[in-house]
Amino acid sequence: MTALIVILIIIAAVAVLLFIPLNLYISYSESKTLVWLRYLFIKYRLYPEKQKKKKKEKKEPAAKKAESEKKPKESFFKKLVKAQGVKGLISILREAISILKQFLEDFTKHILVRKLTINVVTGGEDAAASAMNFGYVCDAIYPAIGALSGLVKLCRVPEVEVKPDFYSKSSKATLYAHIAVRPAFVIAAVVTKGIKALKLYMRVTASVDSNNKNTNTNKQPAK
């Protein structure tokens, strides 16, 4: 009975942890760009990456190198075309794109944009160029924000400011974003769509292997 209670407590704790949001922060300016993750009290910097010590590359023996250069391997794509034909390849690509689309739909609808701040100051060679750049930026940013609102959930109205600077020859921009997603939804999307992708991959590789066996059998000389 005690063991069962302990197992239930562990399952409940894992379930709670999976529903605690994973936070992504993006801060961009001309002087510095930072990207980091935060989960509970743990922070991990994604960009800029910490410098790693370079490992010494192992030199490949000259004989092996020459042998690998002499015998170029046939790519998997060519094998797939031989096994499935162009029509079969198009069908596989459509199925793969459909799986990717379903994954993105399942994933993005659970993304929460908690904060989004964009500030752009447009410059140019003269006042006319600054005004034109201001128009280009507005035409790009505001429709993009509208498209974003249809993909993810905006927790608050994005703070977007675009203004021209008629005395500056260069444009400047700053961005700050706080994005959150619960790991449970990510795992669910990965597992459900990953199973479909794995089935597709196994079916494709099986057809390629079968075609290779038939080709090798036909090439063998009759005894």
N, C-alpha and C. Protein backbone atom coordinates (compact mmCIF):
# COMPACT_ATOMS: atom_id res chain seq x y z
N MET A 1 0.83 -1.21 0.00
CA MET A 1 0.00 0.00 0.00
C MET A 1 0.86 1.25 0.00
N THR A 2 1.94 1.20 0.81
CA THR A 2 2.86 2.35 0.88
C THR A 2 3.52 2.59 -0.47
N ALA A 3 3.93 1.51 -1.13
CA ALA A 3 4.58 1.63 -2.44
C ALA A 3 3.64 2.27 -3.46
N LEU A 4 2.36 1.88 -3.42
CA LEU A 4 1.37 2.44 -4.33
C LEU A 4 1.19 3.93 -4.09
N ILE A 5 1.16 4.34 -2.83
CA ILE A 5 1.01 5.76 -2.49
C ILE A 5 2.21 6.56 -3.01
N VAL A 6 3.41 5.98 -2.85
CA VAL A 6 4.63 6.65 -3.32
C VAL A 6 4.60 6.82 -4.84
N ILE A 7 4.18 5.75 -5.54
CA ILE A 7 4.09 5.80 -7.02
C ILE A 7 3.09 6.86 -7.45
N LEU A 8 1.93 6.91 -6.78
CA LEU A 8 0.91 7.91 -7.12
C LEU A 8 1.40 9.33 -6.88
N ILE A 9 2.15 9.51 -5.79
CA ILE A 9 2.71 10.83 -5.48
C ILE A 9 3.71 11.24 -6.57
N ILE A 10 4.54 10.29 -7.01
CA ILE A 10 5.53 10.58 -8.06
C ILE A 10 4.83 10.95 -9.37
N ILE A 11 3.79 10.18 -9.73
CA ILE A 11 3.03 10.45 -10.96
C ILE A 11 2.38 11.83 -10.88
N ALA A 12 1.81 12.16 -9.72
CA ALA A 12 1.15 13.47 -9.55
C ALA A 12 2.19 14.59 -9.65
N ALA A 13 3.38 14.37 -9.06
CA ALA A 13 4.43 15.40 -9.11
C ALA A 13 4.91 15.63 -10.54
N VAL A 14 5.08 14.54 -11.31
CA VAL A 14 5.51 14.65 -12.70
C VAL A 14 4.45 15.37 -13.53
N ALA A 15 3.18 15.04 -13.27
CA ALA A 15 2.08 15.69 -14.00
C ALA A 15 2.05 17.18 -13.73
N VAL A 16 2.27 17.56 -12.48
CA VAL A 16 2.30 18.99 -12.12
C VAL A 16 3.46 19.68 -12.82
N LEU A 17 4.64 19.05 -12.83
CA LEU A 17 5.82 19.63 -13.46
C LEU A 17 5.61 19.83 -14.96
N LEU A 18 4.91 18.88 -15.58
CA LEU A 18 4.67 18.97 -17.02
C LEU A 18 3.73 20.11 -17.39
N PHE A 19 2.92 20.55 -16.44
CA PHE A 19 1.98 21.64 -16.71
C PHE A 19 2.51 22.99 -16.25
N ILE A 20 3.72 23.02 -15.69
CA ILE A 20 4.35 24.29 -15.35
C ILE A 20 5.00 24.85 -16.61
N PRO A 21 4.71 26.08 -17.00
CA PRO A 21 5.19 26.61 -18.29
C PRO A 21 6.72 26.67 -18.40
N LEU A 22 7.18 26.37 -19.59
CA LEU A 22 8.57 26.58 -19.97
C LEU A 22 8.63 27.94 -20.68
N ASN A 23 9.50 28.82 -20.20
CA ASN A 23 9.52 30.20 -20.68
C ASN A 23 10.74 30.45 -21.56
N LEU A 24 10.48 31.11 -22.69
CA LEU A 24 11.54 31.52 -23.61
C LEU A 24 11.57 33.04 -23.66
N TYR A 25 12.77 33.60 -23.49
CA TYR A 25 12.94 35.06 -23.52
C TYR A 25 13.87 35.43 -24.67
N ILE A 26 13.48 36.46 -25.42
CA ILE A 26 14.31 36.96 -26.52
C ILE A 26 14.46 38.46 -26.34
N SER A 27 15.70 38.92 -26.30
CA SER A 27 15.98 40.34 -26.18
C SER A 27 16.98 40.73 -27.27
N TYR A 28 16.55 41.64 -28.13
CA TYR A 28 17.40 42.04 -29.25
C TYR A 28 17.58 43.55 -29.29
N SER A 29 18.82 43.97 -29.50
CA SER A 29 19.14 45.37 -29.76
C SER A 29 20.40 45.40 -30.61
N GLU A 30 20.78 46.57 -31.05
CA GLU A 30 21.97 46.67 -31.90
C GLU A 30 23.23 46.26 -31.15
N SER A 31 23.26 46.52 -29.87
CA SER A 31 24.45 46.23 -29.07
C SER A 31 24.52 44.80 -28.55
N LYS A 32 23.35 44.18 -28.33
CA LYS A 32 23.36 42.86 -27.68
C LYS A 32 22.11 42.07 -28.02
N THR A 33 22.29 40.77 -28.20
CA THR A 33 21.17 39.85 -28.42
C THR A 33 21.27 38.71 -27.42
N LEU A 34 20.19 38.48 -26.71
CA LEU A 34 20.16 37.40 -25.72
C LEU A 34 18.92 36.53 -25.94
N VAL A 35 19.11 35.21 -25.80
CA VAL A 35 18.00 34.25 -25.87
C VAL A 35 18.22 33.25 -24.75
N TRP A 36 17.24 33.11 -23.87
CA TRP A 36 17.42 32.17 -22.77
C TRP A 36 16.10 31.50 -22.40
N LEU A 37 16.23 30.33 -21.78
CA LEU A 37 15.09 29.55 -21.30
C LEU A 37 15.03 29.62 -19.79
N ARG A 38 13.82 29.56 -19.25
CA ARG A 38 13.67 29.48 -17.80
C ARG A 38 12.55 28.50 -17.47
N TYR A 39 12.86 27.58 -16.56
CA TYR A 39 11.87 26.62 -16.09
C TYR A 39 11.98 26.59 -14.57
N LEU A 40 10.90 27.02 -13.90
CA LEU A 40 10.94 27.21 -12.46
C LEU A 40 12.09 28.17 -12.12
N PHE A 41 13.10 27.69 -11.38
CA PHE A 41 14.22 28.56 -11.00
C PHE A 41 15.47 28.28 -11.82
N ILE A 42 15.32 27.47 -12.85
CA ILE A 42 16.48 27.09 -13.67
C ILE A 42 16.52 27.96 -14.92
N LYS A 43 17.67 28.57 -15.19
CA LYS A 43 17.86 29.38 -16.39
C LYS A 43 18.95 28.75 -17.26
N TYR A 44 18.72 28.80 -18.57
CA TYR A 44 19.71 28.26 -19.51
C TYR A 44 19.83 29.20 -20.69
N ARG A 45 21.04 29.67 -20.95
CA ARG A 45 21.26 30.61 -22.05
C ARG A 45 21.43 29.85 -23.36
N LEU A 46 20.61 30.23 -24.34
CA LEU A 46 20.71 29.61 -25.67
C LEU A 46 21.62 30.41 -26.60
N TYR A 47 21.55 31.75 -26.47
CA TYR A 47 22.39 32.61 -27.32
C TYR A 47 22.75 33.86 -26.55
N PRO A 48 24.00 34.30 -26.60
CA PRO A 48 25.13 33.63 -27.29
C PRO A 48 25.58 32.38 -26.54
N GLU A 49 26.01 31.40 -27.30
CA GLU A 49 26.43 30.14 -26.70
C GLU A 49 27.75 30.30 -25.97
N LYS A 50 27.90 29.49 -24.94
CA LYS A 50 29.17 29.49 -24.23
C LYS A 50 30.24 28.84 -25.11
N GLN A 51 31.41 29.41 -25.10
CA GLN A 51 32.49 28.90 -25.95
C GLN A 51 32.95 27.53 -25.43
N LYS A 52 33.00 26.60 -26.35
CA LYS A 52 33.44 25.24 -26.02
C LYS A 52 34.85 25.01 -26.55
N LYS A 53 35.55 24.19 -25.83
CA LYS A 53 36.90 23.85 -26.28
C LYS A 53 36.84 22.99 -27.54
N LYS A 54 37.63 23.39 -28.52
CA LYS A 54 37.64 22.66 -29.77
C LYS A 54 38.36 21.34 -29.62
N LYS A 55 37.70 20.28 -30.09
CA LYS A 55 38.32 18.96 -30.04
C LYS A 55 39.20 18.76 -31.27
N LYS A 56 40.29 18.10 -31.05
CA LYS A 56 41.21 17.82 -32.15
C LYS A 56 40.57 16.82 -33.12
N GLU A 57 40.57 17.18 -34.38
CA GLU A 57 39.98 16.31 -35.40
C GLU A 57 40.92 15.15 -35.68
N LYS A 58 40.34 13.96 -35.72
CA LYS A 58 41.14 12.77 -36.01
C LYS A 58 41.40 12.69 -37.51
N LYS A 59 42.66 12.54 -37.83
CA LYS A 59 43.03 12.45 -39.23
C LYS A 59 42.70 11.06 -39.78
N GLU A 60 42.00 11.05 -40.88
CA GLU A 60 41.62 9.80 -41.53
C GLU A 60 42.80 9.29 -42.34
N PRO A 61 43.13 8.00 -42.22
CA PRO A 61 44.23 7.46 -43.03
C PRO A 61 44.04 7.73 -44.51
N ALA A 62 45.16 7.99 -45.20
CA ALA A 62 45.11 8.36 -46.62
C ALA A 62 44.47 7.27 -47.47
N ALA A 63 44.74 5.99 -47.11
CA ALA A 63 44.19 4.87 -47.89
C ALA A 63 42.67 4.84 -47.80
N LYS A 64 42.15 5.03 -46.57
CA LYS A 64 40.70 5.01 -46.38
C LYS A 64 40.05 6.21 -47.05
N LYS A 65 40.72 7.36 -46.97
CA LYS A 65 40.19 8.57 -47.57
C LYS A 65 40.09 8.43 -49.09
N ALA A 66 41.15 7.85 -49.68
CA ALA A 66 41.15 7.65 -51.13
C ALA A 66 40.08 6.65 -51.55
N GLU A 67 39.90 5.61 -50.72
CA GLU A 67 38.89 4.59 -51.02
C GLU A 67 37.48 5.16 -50.95
N SER A 68 37.23 6.03 -49.95
CA SER A 68 35.90 6.64 -49.82
C SER A 68 35.61 7.61 -50.96
N GLU A 69 36.68 8.26 -51.46
CA GLU A 69 36.49 9.19 -52.57
C GLU A 69 36.25 8.45 -53.88
N LYS A 70 36.82 7.25 -54.00
CA LYS A 70 36.66 6.48 -55.24
C LYS A 70 35.26 5.90 -55.37
N LYS A 71 34.67 5.55 -54.22
CA LYS A 71 33.37 4.87 -54.24
C LYS A 71 32.29 5.76 -53.62
N PRO A 72 31.76 6.70 -54.37
CA PRO A 72 30.69 7.55 -53.83
C PRO A 72 29.41 6.74 -53.64
N LYS A 73 28.82 6.89 -52.47
CA LYS A 73 27.61 6.14 -52.16
C LYS A 73 26.39 6.80 -52.78
N GLU A 74 25.46 5.96 -53.22
CA GLU A 74 24.22 6.46 -53.79
C GLU A 74 23.36 7.06 -52.68
N SER A 75 22.84 8.25 -52.90
CA SER A 75 22.06 8.92 -51.87
C SER A 75 20.74 8.20 -51.63
N PHE A 76 20.21 8.41 -50.42
CA PHE A 76 18.92 7.80 -50.06
C PHE A 76 17.80 8.32 -50.94
N PHE A 77 17.91 9.60 -51.34
CA PHE A 77 16.88 10.20 -52.19
C PHE A 77 16.79 9.48 -53.54
N LYS A 78 17.95 9.17 -54.14
CA LYS A 78 17.97 8.47 -55.42
C LYS A 78 17.38 7.06 -55.27
N LYS A 79 17.73 6.40 -54.17
CA LYS A 79 17.18 5.07 -53.91
C LYS A 79 15.66 5.13 -53.76
N LEU A 80 15.19 6.20 -53.10
CA LEU A 80 13.76 6.36 -52.89
C LEU A 80 13.03 6.59 -54.21
N VAL A 81 13.62 7.39 -55.09
CA VAL A 81 13.02 7.63 -56.41
C VAL A 81 12.94 6.34 -57.21
N LYS A 82 14.00 5.52 -57.14
CA LYS A 82 14.00 4.24 -57.85
C LYS A 82 12.93 3.30 -57.31
N ALA A 83 12.75 3.32 -55.99
CA ALA A 83 11.79 2.40 -55.37
C ALA A 83 10.35 2.86 -55.55
N GLN A 84 10.09 4.16 -55.42
CA GLN A 84 8.72 4.66 -55.43
C GLN A 84 8.31 5.34 -56.73
N GLY A 85 9.30 5.82 -57.49
CA GLY A 85 8.97 6.61 -58.67
C GLY A 85 8.59 8.03 -58.29
N VAL A 86 8.45 8.89 -59.25
CA VAL A 86 8.14 10.30 -58.98
C VAL A 86 6.76 10.44 -58.33
N LYS A 87 5.79 9.66 -58.82
CA LYS A 87 4.43 9.74 -58.27
C LYS A 87 4.41 9.31 -56.81
N GLY A 88 5.12 8.22 -56.50
CA GLY A 88 5.18 7.75 -55.11
C GLY A 88 5.91 8.73 -54.22
N LEU A 89 6.96 9.37 -54.76
CA LEU A 89 7.73 10.35 -53.99
C LEU A 89 6.85 11.56 -53.65
N ILE A 90 6.07 12.03 -54.60
CA ILE A 90 5.16 13.16 -54.36
C ILE A 90 4.13 12.81 -53.29
N SER A 91 3.64 11.57 -53.33
CA SER A 91 2.66 11.12 -52.34
C SER A 91 3.29 11.10 -50.93
N ILE A 92 4.55 10.64 -50.85
CA ILE A 92 5.25 10.61 -49.56
C ILE A 92 5.47 12.02 -49.04
N LEU A 93 5.87 12.94 -49.91
CA LEU A 93 6.11 14.32 -49.51
C LEU A 93 4.82 14.97 -49.02
N ARG A 94 3.71 14.68 -49.69
CA ARG A 94 2.42 15.24 -49.26
C ARG A 94 2.05 14.74 -47.86
N GLU A 95 2.29 13.45 -47.63
CA GLU A 95 1.97 12.88 -46.32
C GLU A 95 2.87 13.47 -45.24
N ALA A 96 4.16 13.64 -45.56
CA ALA A 96 5.11 14.22 -44.60
C ALA A 96 4.73 15.67 -44.27
N ILE A 97 4.35 16.44 -45.29
CA ILE A 97 3.95 17.83 -45.08
C ILE A 97 2.67 17.90 -44.25
N SER A 98 1.75 16.95 -44.49
CA SER A 98 0.51 16.91 -43.72
C SER A 98 0.80 16.64 -42.24
N ILE A 99 1.71 15.72 -41.96
CA ILE A 99 2.09 15.41 -40.57
C ILE A 99 2.72 16.63 -39.92
N LEU A 100 3.63 17.30 -40.66
CA LEU A 100 4.29 18.50 -40.12
C LEU A 100 3.27 19.61 -39.84
N LYS A 101 2.31 19.77 -40.76
CA LYS A 101 1.28 20.80 -40.58
C LYS A 101 0.43 20.51 -39.33
N GLN A 102 0.06 19.24 -39.15
CA GLN A 102 -0.73 18.86 -37.97
C GLN A 102 0.06 19.11 -36.69
N PHE A 103 1.37 18.81 -36.73
CA PHE A 103 2.20 19.03 -35.54
C PHE A 103 2.28 20.52 -35.21
N LEU A 104 2.50 21.35 -36.22
CA LEU A 104 2.61 22.79 -36.00
C LEU A 104 1.30 23.37 -35.47
N GLU A 105 0.17 22.86 -36.00
CA GLU A 105 -1.14 23.34 -35.53
C GLU A 105 -1.36 22.96 -34.07
N ASP A 106 -1.02 21.71 -33.72
CA ASP A 106 -1.18 21.25 -32.33
C ASP A 106 -0.24 21.99 -31.39
N PHE A 107 0.96 22.31 -31.89
CA PHE A 107 1.98 22.94 -31.05
C PHE A 107 1.72 24.43 -30.86
N THR A 108 1.47 25.13 -31.98
CA THR A 108 1.35 26.59 -31.90
C THR A 108 0.13 27.06 -31.13
N LYS A 109 -0.95 26.28 -31.15
CA LYS A 109 -2.16 26.73 -30.46
C LYS A 109 -2.01 26.74 -28.94
N HIS A 110 -0.93 26.11 -28.43
CA HIS A 110 -0.67 26.11 -26.99
C HIS A 110 0.45 27.08 -26.61
N ILE A 111 0.97 27.83 -27.59
CA ILE A 111 2.02 28.80 -27.30
C ILE A 111 1.38 30.09 -26.79
N LEU A 112 1.90 30.59 -25.67
CA LEU A 112 1.40 31.83 -25.07
C LEU A 112 2.48 32.91 -25.23
N VAL A 113 2.14 33.99 -25.90
CA VAL A 113 3.04 35.14 -25.98
C VAL A 113 2.64 36.09 -24.85
N ARG A 114 3.39 36.04 -23.77
CA ARG A 114 3.04 36.82 -22.58
C ARG A 114 3.38 38.30 -22.77
N LYS A 115 4.45 38.56 -23.52
CA LYS A 115 4.81 39.95 -23.77
C LYS A 115 5.57 40.06 -25.09
N LEU A 116 5.26 41.08 -25.85
CA LEU A 116 5.95 41.34 -27.11
C LEU A 116 6.07 42.84 -27.29
N THR A 117 7.31 43.31 -27.33
CA THR A 117 7.59 44.73 -27.49
C THR A 117 8.52 44.92 -28.68
N ILE A 118 8.10 45.75 -29.62
CA ILE A 118 8.91 46.04 -30.81
C ILE A 118 8.99 47.55 -30.98
N ASN A 119 10.21 48.05 -31.08
CA ASN A 119 10.43 49.48 -31.33
C ASN A 119 11.34 49.61 -32.54
N VAL A 120 10.89 50.35 -33.54
CA VAL A 120 11.66 50.56 -34.76
C VAL A 120 11.72 52.04 -35.07
N VAL A 121 12.92 52.51 -35.33
CA VAL A 121 13.12 53.89 -35.77
C VAL A 121 13.75 53.82 -37.17
N THR A 122 13.05 54.34 -38.15
CA THR A 122 13.53 54.24 -39.53
C THR A 122 14.27 55.50 -39.94
N GLY A 123 15.44 55.29 -40.56
CA GLY A 123 16.22 56.39 -41.09
C GLY A 123 16.38 56.24 -42.58
N GLY A 124 17.18 57.11 -43.17
CA GLY A 124 17.41 57.06 -44.61
C GLY A 124 18.38 58.14 -45.05
N GLU A 125 18.73 58.10 -46.32
CA GLU A 125 19.67 59.08 -46.85
C GLU A 125 19.11 60.50 -46.77
N ASP A 126 17.79 60.61 -46.90
CA ASP A 126 17.14 61.92 -46.78
C ASP A 126 15.75 61.71 -46.18
N ALA A 127 14.98 62.78 -46.05
CA ALA A 127 13.66 62.70 -45.43
C ALA A 127 12.71 61.80 -46.21
N ALA A 128 12.82 61.86 -47.54
CA ALA A 128 11.94 61.03 -48.37
C ALA A 128 12.25 59.55 -48.17
N ALA A 129 13.53 59.21 -48.10
CA ALA A 129 13.93 57.81 -47.88
C ALA A 129 13.48 57.32 -46.51
N SER A 130 13.58 58.19 -45.50
CA SER A 130 13.12 57.81 -44.15
C SER A 130 11.62 57.54 -44.15
N ALA A 131 10.86 58.36 -44.85
CA ALA A 131 9.41 58.17 -44.92
C ALA A 131 9.05 56.89 -45.66
N MET A 132 9.78 56.60 -46.74
CA MET A 132 9.54 55.36 -47.49
C MET A 132 9.86 54.14 -46.64
N ASN A 133 10.98 54.17 -45.92
CA ASN A 133 11.36 53.06 -45.05
C ASN A 133 10.34 52.87 -43.93
N PHE A 134 9.80 53.99 -43.44
CA PHE A 134 8.75 53.93 -42.42
C PHE A 134 7.53 53.18 -42.95
N GLY A 135 7.15 53.47 -44.18
CA GLY A 135 6.01 52.79 -44.80
C GLY A 135 6.27 51.31 -45.01
N TYR A 136 7.50 50.97 -45.46
CA TYR A 136 7.85 49.56 -45.68
C TYR A 136 7.78 48.77 -44.38
N VAL A 137 8.31 49.36 -43.31
CA VAL A 137 8.34 48.66 -42.02
C VAL A 137 6.92 48.46 -41.50
N CYS A 138 6.08 49.48 -41.61
CA CYS A 138 4.68 49.37 -41.15
C CYS A 138 3.94 48.28 -41.94
N ASP A 139 4.18 48.25 -43.25
CA ASP A 139 3.53 47.25 -44.10
C ASP A 139 3.98 45.84 -43.76
N ALA A 140 5.17 45.70 -43.19
CA ALA A 140 5.69 44.37 -42.84
C ALA A 140 5.29 43.95 -41.43
N ILE A 141 5.40 44.88 -40.46
CA ILE A 141 5.22 44.52 -39.06
C ILE A 141 3.76 44.27 -38.70
N TYR A 142 2.88 45.18 -39.04
CA TYR A 142 1.49 45.08 -38.57
C TYR A 142 0.75 43.87 -39.16
N PRO A 143 0.89 43.54 -40.44
CA PRO A 143 0.29 42.30 -40.93
C PRO A 143 0.91 41.05 -40.28
N ALA A 144 2.22 41.12 -39.97
CA ALA A 144 2.87 39.99 -39.31
C ALA A 144 2.30 39.77 -37.91
N ILE A 145 2.02 40.85 -37.18
CA ILE A 145 1.40 40.75 -35.86
C ILE A 145 0.00 40.14 -35.97
N GLY A 146 -0.72 40.55 -37.00
CA GLY A 146 -2.05 39.99 -37.23
C GLY A 146 -2.00 38.50 -37.53
N ALA A 147 -1.03 38.09 -38.35
CA ALA A 147 -0.87 36.66 -38.66
C ALA A 147 -0.46 35.88 -37.42
N LEU A 148 0.41 36.48 -36.60
CA LEU A 148 0.86 35.83 -35.36
C LEU A 148 -0.30 35.59 -34.41
N SER A 149 -1.22 36.55 -34.33
CA SER A 149 -2.37 36.41 -33.42
C SER A 149 -3.28 35.25 -33.83
N GLY A 150 -3.23 34.86 -35.11
CA GLY A 150 -4.03 33.73 -35.57
C GLY A 150 -3.36 32.39 -35.31
N LEU A 151 -2.05 32.41 -35.02
CA LEU A 151 -1.32 31.16 -34.79
C LEU A 151 -1.16 30.85 -33.31
N VAL A 152 -0.88 31.87 -32.51
CA VAL A 152 -0.62 31.67 -31.08
C VAL A 152 -1.58 32.52 -30.27
N LYS A 153 -1.52 32.34 -28.95
CA LYS A 153 -2.39 33.11 -28.06
C LYS A 153 -1.60 34.29 -27.50
N LEU A 154 -2.07 35.50 -27.79
CA LEU A 154 -1.43 36.71 -27.26
C LEU A 154 -2.09 37.05 -25.92
N CYS A 155 -1.32 36.99 -24.85
CA CYS A 155 -1.87 37.27 -23.52
C CYS A 155 -2.16 38.75 -23.31
N ARG A 156 -1.45 39.58 -24.04
CA ARG A 156 -1.71 41.03 -24.00
C ARG A 156 -1.43 41.63 -25.37
N VAL A 157 -1.94 42.81 -25.61
CA VAL A 157 -1.74 43.46 -26.90
C VAL A 157 -0.25 43.79 -27.08
N PRO A 158 0.36 43.38 -28.19
CA PRO A 158 1.78 43.69 -28.41
C PRO A 158 2.02 45.20 -28.43
N GLU A 159 3.13 45.59 -27.83
CA GLU A 159 3.53 47.01 -27.81
C GLU A 159 4.44 47.26 -29.01
N VAL A 160 3.88 47.80 -30.06
CA VAL A 160 4.63 48.04 -31.31
C VAL A 160 4.68 49.53 -31.58
N GLU A 161 5.88 50.04 -31.75
CA GLU A 161 6.05 51.46 -32.06
C GLU A 161 7.01 51.60 -33.24
N VAL A 162 6.55 52.22 -34.28
CA VAL A 162 7.38 52.49 -35.47
C VAL A 162 7.31 53.98 -35.74
N LYS A 163 8.46 54.60 -35.82
CA LYS A 163 8.48 56.04 -36.11
C LYS A 163 9.69 56.39 -36.96
N PRO A 164 9.55 57.41 -37.80
CA PRO A 164 10.66 57.81 -38.66
C PRO A 164 11.59 58.80 -37.94
N ASP A 165 12.85 58.75 -38.33
CA ASP A 165 13.83 59.72 -37.85
C ASP A 165 14.43 60.38 -39.09
N PHE A 166 14.01 61.60 -39.38
CA PHE A 166 14.43 62.28 -40.60
C PHE A 166 15.86 62.81 -40.54
N TYR A 167 16.50 62.69 -39.37
CA TYR A 167 17.86 63.20 -39.21
C TYR A 167 18.90 62.08 -39.13
N SER A 168 18.44 60.84 -39.17
CA SER A 168 19.36 59.70 -39.08
C SER A 168 19.41 58.96 -40.42
N LYS A 169 20.62 58.52 -40.77
CA LYS A 169 20.79 57.80 -42.03
C LYS A 169 20.61 56.29 -41.86
N SER A 170 20.55 55.83 -40.63
CA SER A 170 20.41 54.39 -40.37
C SER A 170 19.16 54.12 -39.55
N SER A 171 18.65 52.90 -39.67
CA SER A 171 17.47 52.48 -38.90
C SER A 171 17.90 51.68 -37.67
N LYS A 172 17.09 51.76 -36.64
CA LYS A 172 17.39 51.04 -35.40
C LYS A 172 16.15 50.26 -34.96
N ALA A 173 16.39 49.12 -34.31
CA ALA A 173 15.26 48.31 -33.85
C ALA A 173 15.61 47.60 -32.55
N THR A 174 14.63 47.46 -31.68
CA THR A 174 14.78 46.66 -30.46
C THR A 174 13.55 45.76 -30.34
N LEU A 175 13.77 44.60 -29.75
CA LEU A 175 12.68 43.63 -29.60
C LEU A 175 12.82 42.92 -28.27
N TYR A 176 11.71 42.71 -27.61
CA TYR A 176 11.68 41.89 -26.40
C TYR A 176 10.44 41.00 -26.46
N ALA A 177 10.65 39.71 -26.25
CA ALA A 177 9.53 38.75 -26.30
C ALA A 177 9.64 37.77 -25.14
N HIS A 178 8.49 37.49 -24.54
CA HIS A 178 8.39 36.47 -23.49
C HIS A 178 7.34 35.46 -23.95
N ILE A 179 7.81 34.25 -24.26
CA ILE A 179 6.95 33.20 -24.81
C ILE A 179 6.93 32.02 -23.84
N ALA A 180 5.76 31.45 -23.63
CA ALA A 180 5.62 30.33 -22.71
C ALA A 180 4.83 29.20 -23.35
N VAL A 181 5.16 27.98 -22.95
CA VAL A 181 4.42 26.81 -23.41
C VAL A 181 4.54 25.73 -22.33
N ARG A 182 3.48 24.98 -22.14
CA ARG A 182 3.51 23.91 -21.15
C ARG A 182 4.10 22.64 -21.78
N PRO A 183 5.11 22.03 -21.14
CA PRO A 183 5.76 20.85 -21.72
C PRO A 183 4.81 19.70 -22.04
N ALA A 184 3.72 19.57 -21.29
CA ALA A 184 2.77 18.48 -21.52
C ALA A 184 2.20 18.53 -22.93
N PHE A 185 1.87 19.74 -23.40
CA PHE A 185 1.30 19.88 -24.75
C PHE A 185 2.35 19.62 -25.82
N VAL A 186 3.59 20.02 -25.56
CA VAL A 186 4.67 19.76 -26.51
C VAL A 186 4.91 18.26 -26.64
N ILE A 187 4.97 17.57 -25.50
CA ILE A 187 5.20 16.12 -25.50
C ILE A 187 4.06 15.40 -26.22
N ALA A 188 2.82 15.84 -25.94
CA ALA A 188 1.66 15.21 -26.59
C ALA A 188 1.73 15.37 -28.10
N ALA A 189 2.09 16.57 -28.58
CA ALA A 189 2.19 16.81 -30.02
C ALA A 189 3.31 16.00 -30.64
N VAL A 190 4.45 15.94 -29.95
CA VAL A 190 5.61 15.19 -30.46
C VAL A 190 5.30 13.70 -30.54
N VAL A 191 4.66 13.18 -29.49
CA VAL A 191 4.38 11.73 -29.45
C VAL A 191 3.36 11.33 -30.51
N THR A 192 2.24 12.05 -30.57
CA THR A 192 1.17 11.67 -31.51
C THR A 192 1.62 11.81 -32.96
N LYS A 193 2.26 12.91 -33.28
CA LYS A 193 2.70 13.12 -34.67
C LYS A 193 4.00 12.38 -34.95
N GLY A 194 4.80 12.15 -33.89
CA GLY A 194 6.04 11.39 -34.06
C GLY A 194 5.77 9.94 -34.44
N ILE A 195 4.69 9.36 -33.90
CA ILE A 195 4.31 7.98 -34.24
C ILE A 195 3.93 7.90 -35.73
N LYS A 196 3.18 8.91 -36.20
CA LYS A 196 2.81 8.94 -37.62
C LYS A 196 4.04 9.07 -38.50
N ALA A 197 4.97 9.95 -38.09
CA ALA A 197 6.19 10.16 -38.87
C ALA A 197 7.05 8.90 -38.87
N LEU A 198 7.11 8.20 -37.74
CA LEU A 198 7.89 6.96 -37.65
C LEU A 198 7.31 5.88 -38.56
N LYS A 199 5.99 5.76 -38.57
CA LYS A 199 5.33 4.78 -39.46
C LYS A 199 5.64 5.08 -40.93
N LEU A 200 5.60 6.37 -41.28
CA LEU A 200 5.91 6.78 -42.65
C LEU A 200 7.36 6.44 -42.99
N TYR A 201 8.27 6.73 -42.06
CA TYR A 201 9.70 6.46 -42.28
C TYR A 201 9.95 4.96 -42.44
N MET A 202 9.33 4.15 -41.59
CA MET A 202 9.51 2.69 -41.67
C MET A 202 8.97 2.15 -42.99
N ARG A 203 7.84 2.69 -43.44
CA ARG A 203 7.27 2.24 -44.71
C ARG A 203 8.17 2.61 -45.89
N VAL A 204 8.75 3.81 -45.84
CA VAL A 204 9.63 4.28 -46.92
C VAL A 204 10.91 3.46 -46.96
N THR A 205 11.55 3.27 -45.79
CA THR A 205 12.81 2.51 -45.74
C THR A 205 12.59 1.05 -46.13
N ALA A 206 11.43 0.50 -45.77
CA ALA A 206 11.13 -0.88 -46.14
C ALA A 206 11.02 -1.03 -47.66
N SER A 207 10.40 -0.02 -48.30
CA SER A 207 10.27 -0.08 -49.77
C SER A 207 11.62 0.07 -50.45
N VAL A 208 12.51 0.92 -49.89
CA VAL A 208 13.86 1.11 -50.45
C VAL A 208 14.68 -0.17 -50.29
N ASP A 209 14.61 -0.78 -49.10
CA ASP A 209 15.36 -2.02 -48.86
C ASP A 209 14.87 -3.14 -49.76
N SER A 210 13.56 -3.23 -49.94
CA SER A 210 12.98 -4.26 -50.80
C SER A 210 13.43 -4.08 -52.24
N ASN A 211 13.47 -2.81 -52.69
CA ASN A 211 13.90 -2.53 -54.06
C ASN A 211 15.38 -2.85 -54.25
N ASN A 212 16.21 -2.57 -53.22
CA ASN A 212 17.64 -2.88 -53.31
C ASN A 212 17.88 -4.38 -53.38
N LYS A 213 17.10 -5.15 -52.61
CA LYS A 213 17.25 -6.61 -52.63
C LYS A 213 16.88 -7.18 -53.99
N ASN A 214 15.81 -6.67 -54.56
CA ASN A 214 15.39 -7.14 -55.88
C ASN A 214 16.42 -6.80 -56.95
N THR A 215 17.01 -5.59 -56.84
CA THR A 215 18.04 -5.16 -57.80
C THR A 215 19.27 -6.03 -57.70
N ASN A 216 19.72 -6.30 -56.46
CA ASN A 216 20.90 -7.14 -56.25
C ASN A 216 20.67 -8.57 -56.72
N THR A 217 19.44 -9.08 -56.55
CA THR A 217 19.11 -10.43 -56.98
C THR A 217 19.16 -10.53 -58.50
N ASN A 218 18.66 -9.50 -59.18
CA ASN A 218 18.66 -9.49 -60.63
C ASN A 218 20.07 -9.36 -61.22
N LYS A 219 20.98 -8.73 -60.44
CA LYS A 219 22.34 -8.53 -60.94
C LYS A 219 23.20 -9.80 -60.80
N GLN A 220 22.80 -10.70 -59.90
CA GLN A 220 23.60 -11.91 -59.67
C GLN A 220 23.57 -12.79 -60.92
N PRO A 221 24.76 -13.27 -61.37
CA PRO A 221 24.81 -14.14 -62.56
C PRO A 221 24.17 -15.50 -62.31
N ALA A 222 23.48 -16.01 -63.28
CA ALA A 222 22.85 -17.33 -63.17
C ALA A 222 23.88 -18.41 -63.16
N LYS A 223 23.75 -19.40 -62.27
CA LYS A 223 24.71 -20.51 -62.18
C LYS A 223 24.34 -21.60 -63.19
